[in-house]
Amino acid sequence: MDNQLPRLGYRGRSVHKPMRKAPALDAFLTRINELGGSIDSWVYTNSDRPTLTLAATHDSVGPLAVDDNGDELTVEIGTKQHTHFSGYSFDSDSDQSRLLAAAKDAAAFVYDVTMDRVCFTVDYLHERCIGSSHFYLDNENTTADTVRDTCIGLRGGNIRSERYLWSGPVREHRTEP
């Protein structure tokens, strides 16, 4: 099938054949594999912008997609949040090598997202989304199990914030008086 990644098995680890027109996505998958992540579930779509997609683990979060925009990679976490990894952030002799470096950074971020090490927030004013952000749990001295007991990432006043991990929404811990 056109959208499936070509794979070869090697000693229990997945190894993919390089995608001819998407070297940044190749570098992304290679780095995911080096970090210990699985590449078996990623689906490649060759369109105007080559894209890798990982199916959602929770419906409220949505799928994770990595788009190769030519000079940067965009990581979309469902409809909740997106972030850019630009080749311009790196010093190198060529645009291509800068983009490959950005792809490795994007892979490290995505690996951390899929390991529930990153919490992302979506902020609303009434029912209108006004922004989103993310933070690393270990930088805030919290974990996926304890973040619900903190106010980290929550806005105040009339701004409603929702927090998510890759595994699903962060349910606020509420105790009855």
C-alpha atoms as a PDB file:
ATOM      1  CA  MET A   1       0.000   0.000   0.000  1.00  0.00           C
ATOM      2  CA  ASP A   2       1.194   3.505  -0.822  1.00  0.00           C
ATOM      3  CA  ASN A   3       0.736   4.874   2.685  1.00  0.00           C
ATOM      4  CA  GLN A   4       2.492   2.090   4.568  1.00  0.00           C
ATOM      5  CA  LEU A   5       6.121   2.411   5.563  1.00  0.00           C
ATOM      6  CA  PRO A   6       8.278  -0.228   3.901  1.00  0.00           C
ATOM      7  CA  ARG A   7       9.880  -2.238   6.701  1.00  0.00           C
ATOM      8  CA  LEU A   8      12.485  -4.887   7.190  1.00  0.00           C
ATOM      9  CA  GLY A   9      12.736  -6.842  10.427  1.00  0.00           C
ATOM     10  CA  TYR A  10      16.148  -6.982  12.083  1.00  0.00           C
ATOM     11  CA  ARG A  11      16.789  -8.656  15.437  1.00  0.00           C
ATOM     12  CA  GLY A  12      13.397  -7.727  16.810  1.00  0.00           C
ATOM     13  CA  ARG A  13      13.726  -4.035  15.946  1.00  0.00           C
ATOM     14  CA  SER A  14      11.956  -2.349  13.099  1.00  0.00           C
ATOM     15  CA  VAL A  15      14.132  -0.931  10.380  1.00  0.00           C
ATOM     16  CA  HIS A  16      12.537   1.048   7.587  1.00  0.00           C
ATOM     17  CA  LYS A  17      13.704   1.473   4.039  1.00  0.00           C
ATOM     18  CA  PRO A  18      14.468   5.143   3.345  1.00  0.00           C
ATOM     19  CA  MET A  19      11.741   7.263   1.786  1.00  0.00           C
ATOM     20  CA  ARG A  20      13.260   8.737  -1.364  1.00  0.00           C
ATOM     21  CA  LYS A  21      11.582  12.136  -1.168  1.00  0.00           C
ATOM     22  CA  ALA A  22      11.418  12.627   2.589  1.00  0.00           C
ATOM     23  CA  PRO A  23      14.914  12.443   4.128  1.00  0.00           C
ATOM     24  CA  ALA A  24      13.852  14.556   7.125  1.00  0.00           C
ATOM     25  CA  LEU A  25      11.102  12.060   7.955  1.00  0.00           C
ATOM     26  CA  ASP A  26      13.647   9.258   7.539  1.00  0.00           C
ATOM     27  CA  ALA A  27      15.887  11.013  10.073  1.00  0.00           C
ATOM     28  CA  PHE A  28      12.871  11.448  12.361  1.00  0.00           C
ATOM     29  CA  LEU A  29      12.029   7.712  12.278  1.00  0.00           C
ATOM     30  CA  THR A  30      15.667   6.709  12.703  1.00  0.00           C
ATOM     31  CA  ARG A  31      15.921   8.868  15.833  1.00  0.00           C
ATOM     32  CA  ILE A  32      12.615   7.520  17.233  1.00  0.00           C
ATOM     33  CA  ASN A  33      14.017   4.016  16.762  1.00  0.00           C
ATOM     34  CA  GLU A  34      17.352   4.975  18.408  1.00  0.00           C
ATOM     35  CA  LEU A  35      15.465   6.322  21.430  1.00  0.00           C
ATOM     36  CA  GLY A  36      13.711   2.968  21.815  1.00  0.00           C
ATOM     37  CA  GLY A  37      10.383   3.954  20.290  1.00  0.00           C
ATOM     38  CA  SER A  38       8.449   1.826  17.872  1.00  0.00           C
ATOM     39  CA  ILE A  39       8.155   2.923  14.264  1.00  0.00           C
ATOM     40  CA  ASP A  40       5.748   0.138  13.298  1.00  0.00           C
ATOM     41  CA  SER A  41       2.580   2.201  13.807  1.00  0.00           C
ATOM     42  CA  TRP A  42       3.615   5.280  11.831  1.00  0.00           C
ATOM     43  CA  VAL A  43       1.819   5.765   8.506  1.00  0.00           C
ATOM     44  CA  TYR A  44       3.492   7.735   5.719  1.00  0.00           C
ATOM     45  CA  THR A  45       1.445   9.898   3.362  1.00  0.00           C
ATOM     46  CA  ASN A  46       3.125  11.365   0.313  1.00  0.00           C
ATOM     47  CA  SER A  47       1.295  14.559  -0.603  1.00  0.00           C
ATOM     48  CA  ASP A  48       2.253  18.216  -1.074  1.00  0.00           C
ATOM     49  CA  ARG A  49       3.875  17.893   2.335  1.00  0.00           C
ATOM     50  CA  PRO A  50       5.087  14.412   3.219  1.00  0.00           C
ATOM     51  CA  THR A  51       3.547  13.403   6.547  1.00  0.00           C
ATOM     52  CA  LEU A  52       3.942  10.698   9.156  1.00  0.00           C
ATOM     53  CA  THR A  53       0.891   9.958  11.312  1.00  0.00           C
ATOM     54  CA  LEU A  54       0.576   7.986  14.543  1.00  0.00           C
ATOM     55  CA  ALA A  55      -2.936   6.929  15.526  1.00  0.00           C
ATOM     56  CA  ALA A  56      -4.388   8.409  18.700  1.00  0.00           C
ATOM     57  CA  THR A  57      -4.143   6.510  21.953  1.00  0.00           C
ATOM     58  CA  HIS A  58      -7.107   8.515  23.287  1.00  0.00           C
ATOM     59  CA  ASP A  59      -9.947   9.967  21.235  1.00  0.00           C
ATOM     60  CA  SER A  60      -9.938  13.278  23.105  1.00  0.00           C
ATOM     61  CA  VAL A  61      -6.330  13.924  22.075  1.00  0.00           C
ATOM     62  CA  GLY A  62      -6.344  12.766  18.458  1.00  0.00           C
ATOM     63  CA  PRO A  63      -3.559  11.489  16.217  1.00  0.00           C
ATOM     64  CA  LEU A  64      -0.018  12.788  16.180  1.00  0.00           C
ATOM     65  CA  ALA A  65       1.240  14.022  12.793  1.00  0.00           C
ATOM     66  CA  VAL A  66       4.673  15.173  11.628  1.00  0.00           C
ATOM     67  CA  ASP A  67       4.665  17.282   8.453  1.00  0.00           C
ATOM     68  CA  ASP A  68       7.789  18.001   6.411  1.00  0.00           C
ATOM     69  CA  ASN A  69       7.286  21.569   5.193  1.00  0.00           C
ATOM     70  CA  GLY A  70      10.631  21.730   3.395  1.00  0.00           C
ATOM     71  CA  ASP A  71      12.416  24.058   5.842  1.00  0.00           C
ATOM     72  CA  GLU A  72      10.852  22.858   9.090  1.00  0.00           C
ATOM     73  CA  LEU A  73       8.885  20.003  10.609  1.00  0.00           C
ATOM     74  CA  THR A  74       5.532  20.697  12.224  1.00  0.00           C
ATOM     75  CA  VAL A  75       4.361  18.337  14.962  1.00  0.00           C
ATOM     76  CA  GLU A  76       0.595  18.347  15.432  1.00  0.00           C
ATOM     77  CA  ILE A  77      -0.873  16.709  18.505  1.00  0.00           C
ATOM     78  CA  GLY A  78      -4.436  16.113  17.402  1.00  0.00           C
ATOM     79  CA  THR A  79      -6.400  19.334  17.451  1.00  0.00           C
ATOM     80  CA  LYS A  80      -4.876  20.295  20.792  1.00  0.00           C
ATOM     81  CA  GLN A  81      -1.461  21.741  20.042  1.00  0.00           C
ATOM     82  CA  HIS A  82       1.253  22.058  17.419  1.00  0.00           C
ATOM     83  CA  THR A  83       4.869  23.091  17.484  1.00  0.00           C
ATOM     84  CA  HIS A  84       7.531  23.822  14.871  1.00  0.00           C
ATOM     85  CA  PHE A  85      11.062  22.467  14.542  1.00  0.00           C
ATOM     86  CA  SER A  86      12.926  24.758  12.193  1.00  0.00           C
ATOM     87  CA  GLY A  87      16.153  24.003  10.384  1.00  0.00           C
ATOM     88  CA  TYR A  88      17.079  27.676  10.824  1.00  0.00           C
ATOM     89  CA  SER A  89      17.740  26.978  14.507  1.00  0.00           C
ATOM     90  CA  PHE A  90      20.893  25.025  13.628  1.00  0.00           C
ATOM     91  CA  ASP A  91      24.298  26.006  12.269  1.00  0.00           C
ATOM     92  CA  SER A  92      25.346  23.961   9.294  1.00  0.00           C
ATOM     93  CA  ASP A  93      26.698  24.162   5.785  1.00  0.00           C
ATOM     94  CA  SER A  94      23.430  23.231   4.067  1.00  0.00           C
ATOM     95  CA  ASP A  95      19.691  23.649   4.430  1.00  0.00           C
ATOM     96  CA  GLN A  96      19.323  19.875   4.231  1.00  0.00           C
ATOM     97  CA  SER A  97      21.651  19.137   7.150  1.00  0.00           C
ATOM     98  CA  ARG A  98      19.893  21.810   9.254  1.00  0.00           C
ATOM     99  CA  LEU A  99      16.527  20.195   8.513  1.00  0.00           C
ATOM    100  CA  LEU A 100      17.900  16.770   9.447  1.00  0.00           C
ATOM    101  CA  ALA A 101      19.058  18.198  12.797  1.00  0.00           C
ATOM    102  CA  ALA A 102      15.572  19.674  13.338  1.00  0.00           C
ATOM    103  CA  ALA A 103      14.081  16.255  12.540  1.00  0.00           C
ATOM    104  CA  LYS A 104      16.151  14.661  15.307  1.00  0.00           C
ATOM    105  CA  ASP A 105      14.927  17.300  17.789  1.00  0.00           C
ATOM    106  CA  ALA A 106      11.340  16.754  16.665  1.00  0.00           C
ATOM    107  CA  ALA A 107      11.761  13.001  17.190  1.00  0.00           C
ATOM    108  CA  ALA A 108      13.072  13.491  20.741  1.00  0.00           C
ATOM    109  CA  PHE A 109      10.074  15.726  21.526  1.00  0.00           C
ATOM    110  CA  VAL A 110       7.576  13.269  19.996  1.00  0.00           C
ATOM    111  CA  TYR A 111       9.177  10.367  21.861  1.00  0.00           C
ATOM    112  CA  ASP A 112       8.773  12.294  25.121  1.00  0.00           C
ATOM    113  CA  VAL A 113       5.140  13.105  24.241  1.00  0.00           C
ATOM    114  CA  THR A 114       4.363   9.432  23.598  1.00  0.00           C
ATOM    115  CA  MET A 115       6.015   8.487  26.895  1.00  0.00           C
ATOM    116  CA  ASP A 116       3.718  10.948  28.775  1.00  0.00           C
ATOM    117  CA  ARG A 117       6.644  13.174  29.735  1.00  0.00           C
ATOM    118  CA  VAL A 118       5.068  16.283  28.173  1.00  0.00           C
ATOM    119  CA  CYS A 119       1.821  17.925  29.225  1.00  0.00           C
ATOM    120  CA  PHE A 120       0.073  20.249  26.815  1.00  0.00           C
ATOM    121  CA  THR A 121      -2.606  22.773  27.634  1.00  0.00           C
ATOM    122  CA  VAL A 122      -5.358  24.378  25.608  1.00  0.00           C
ATOM    123  CA  ASP A 123      -6.778  27.674  26.878  1.00  0.00           C
ATOM    124  CA  TYR A 124     -10.279  28.989  26.189  1.00  0.00           C
ATOM    125  CA  LEU A 125     -12.034  32.298  26.707  1.00  0.00           C
ATOM    126  CA  HIS A 126     -15.663  31.249  26.886  1.00  0.00           C
ATOM    127  CA  GLU A 127     -15.761  28.619  24.082  1.00  0.00           C
ATOM    128  CA  ARG A 128     -13.081  30.201  21.869  1.00  0.00           C
ATOM    129  CA  CYS A 129      -9.574  28.716  21.883  1.00  0.00           C
ATOM    130  CA  ILE A 130      -7.062  31.471  22.641  1.00  0.00           C
ATOM    131  CA  GLY A 131      -3.856  29.453  22.780  1.00  0.00           C
ATOM    132  CA  SER A 132      -1.985  26.304  23.653  1.00  0.00           C
ATOM    133  CA  SER A 133       1.343  25.441  25.207  1.00  0.00           C
ATOM    134  CA  HIS A 134       3.314  22.514  26.551  1.00  0.00           C
ATOM    135  CA  PHE A 135       5.705  21.784  29.390  1.00  0.00           C
ATOM    136  CA  TYR A 136       7.950  18.918  30.418  1.00  0.00           C
ATOM    137  CA  LEU A 137       6.709  17.243  33.579  1.00  0.00           C
ATOM    138  CA  ASP A 138      10.184  16.614  35.019  1.00  0.00           C
ATOM    139  CA  ASN A 139      11.059  20.323  34.638  1.00  0.00           C
ATOM    140  CA  GLU A 140       8.125  21.044  36.939  1.00  0.00           C
ATOM    141  CA  ASN A 141       8.974  18.247  39.410  1.00  0.00           C
ATOM    142  CA  THR A 142       5.786  16.362  38.661  1.00  0.00           C
ATOM    143  CA  THR A 143       4.818  13.143  36.892  1.00  0.00           C
ATOM    144  CA  ALA A 144       1.974  11.847  34.755  1.00  0.00           C
ATOM    145  CA  ASP A 145       0.452  10.478  37.974  1.00  0.00           C
ATOM    146  CA  THR A 146       0.743  13.677  40.006  1.00  0.00           C
ATOM    147  CA  VAL A 147       0.279  16.536  37.511  1.00  0.00           C
ATOM    148  CA  ARG A 148      -3.480  16.469  38.194  1.00  0.00           C
ATOM    149  CA  ASP A 149      -2.742  17.602  41.757  1.00  0.00           C
ATOM    150  CA  THR A 150      -0.893  20.740  40.589  1.00  0.00           C
ATOM    151  CA  CYS A 151      -1.894  24.051  39.032  1.00  0.00           C
ATOM    152  CA  ILE A 152       0.955  23.957  36.513  1.00  0.00           C
ATOM    153  CA  GLY A 153      -0.238  25.101  33.098  1.00  0.00           C
ATOM    154  CA  LEU A 154      -3.611  26.286  34.367  1.00  0.00           C
ATOM    155  CA  ARG A 155      -4.638  29.890  33.711  1.00  0.00           C
ATOM    156  CA  GLY A 156      -6.760  31.951  36.040  1.00  0.00           C
ATOM    157  CA  GLY A 157      -9.692  34.299  35.940  1.00  0.00           C
ATOM    158  CA  ASN A 158     -12.168  33.738  33.134  1.00  0.00           C
ATOM    159  CA  ILE A 159      -9.732  31.602  31.124  1.00  0.00           C
ATOM    160  CA  ARG A 160     -10.504  27.887  31.178  1.00  0.00           C
ATOM    161  CA  SER A 161      -7.544  25.544  30.660  1.00  0.00           C
ATOM    162  CA  GLU A 162      -7.591  21.901  29.680  1.00  0.00           C
ATOM    163  CA  ARG A 163      -4.495  19.755  30.140  1.00  0.00           C
ATOM    164  CA  TYR A 164      -3.603  16.620  28.224  1.00  0.00           C
ATOM    165  CA  LEU A 165      -1.015  13.888  28.066  1.00  0.00           C
ATOM    166  CA  TRP A 166      -0.650  11.618  25.049  1.00  0.00           C
ATOM    167  CA  SER A 167      -2.543   8.955  27.020  1.00  0.00           C
ATOM    168  CA  GLY A 168      -5.530  11.264  27.527  1.00  0.00           C
ATOM    169  CA  PRO A 169      -6.914  14.252  29.391  1.00  0.00           C
ATOM    170  CA  VAL A 170      -5.511  15.189  32.788  1.00  0.00           C
ATOM    171  CA  ARG A 171      -8.418  14.728  35.174  1.00  0.00           C
ATOM    172  CA  GLU A 172      -8.207  17.296  37.917  1.00  0.00           C
ATOM    173  CA  HIS A 173      -8.059  15.766  41.369  1.00  0.00           C
ATOM    174  CA  ARG A 174     -10.981  17.071  43.341  1.00  0.00           C
ATOM    175  CA  THR A 175     -11.688  16.369  46.978  1.00  0.00           C
ATOM    176  CA  GLU A 176     -15.076  17.003  48.503  1.00  0.00           C
ATOM    177  CA  PRO A 177     -15.117  19.380  51.518  1.00  0.00           C
END
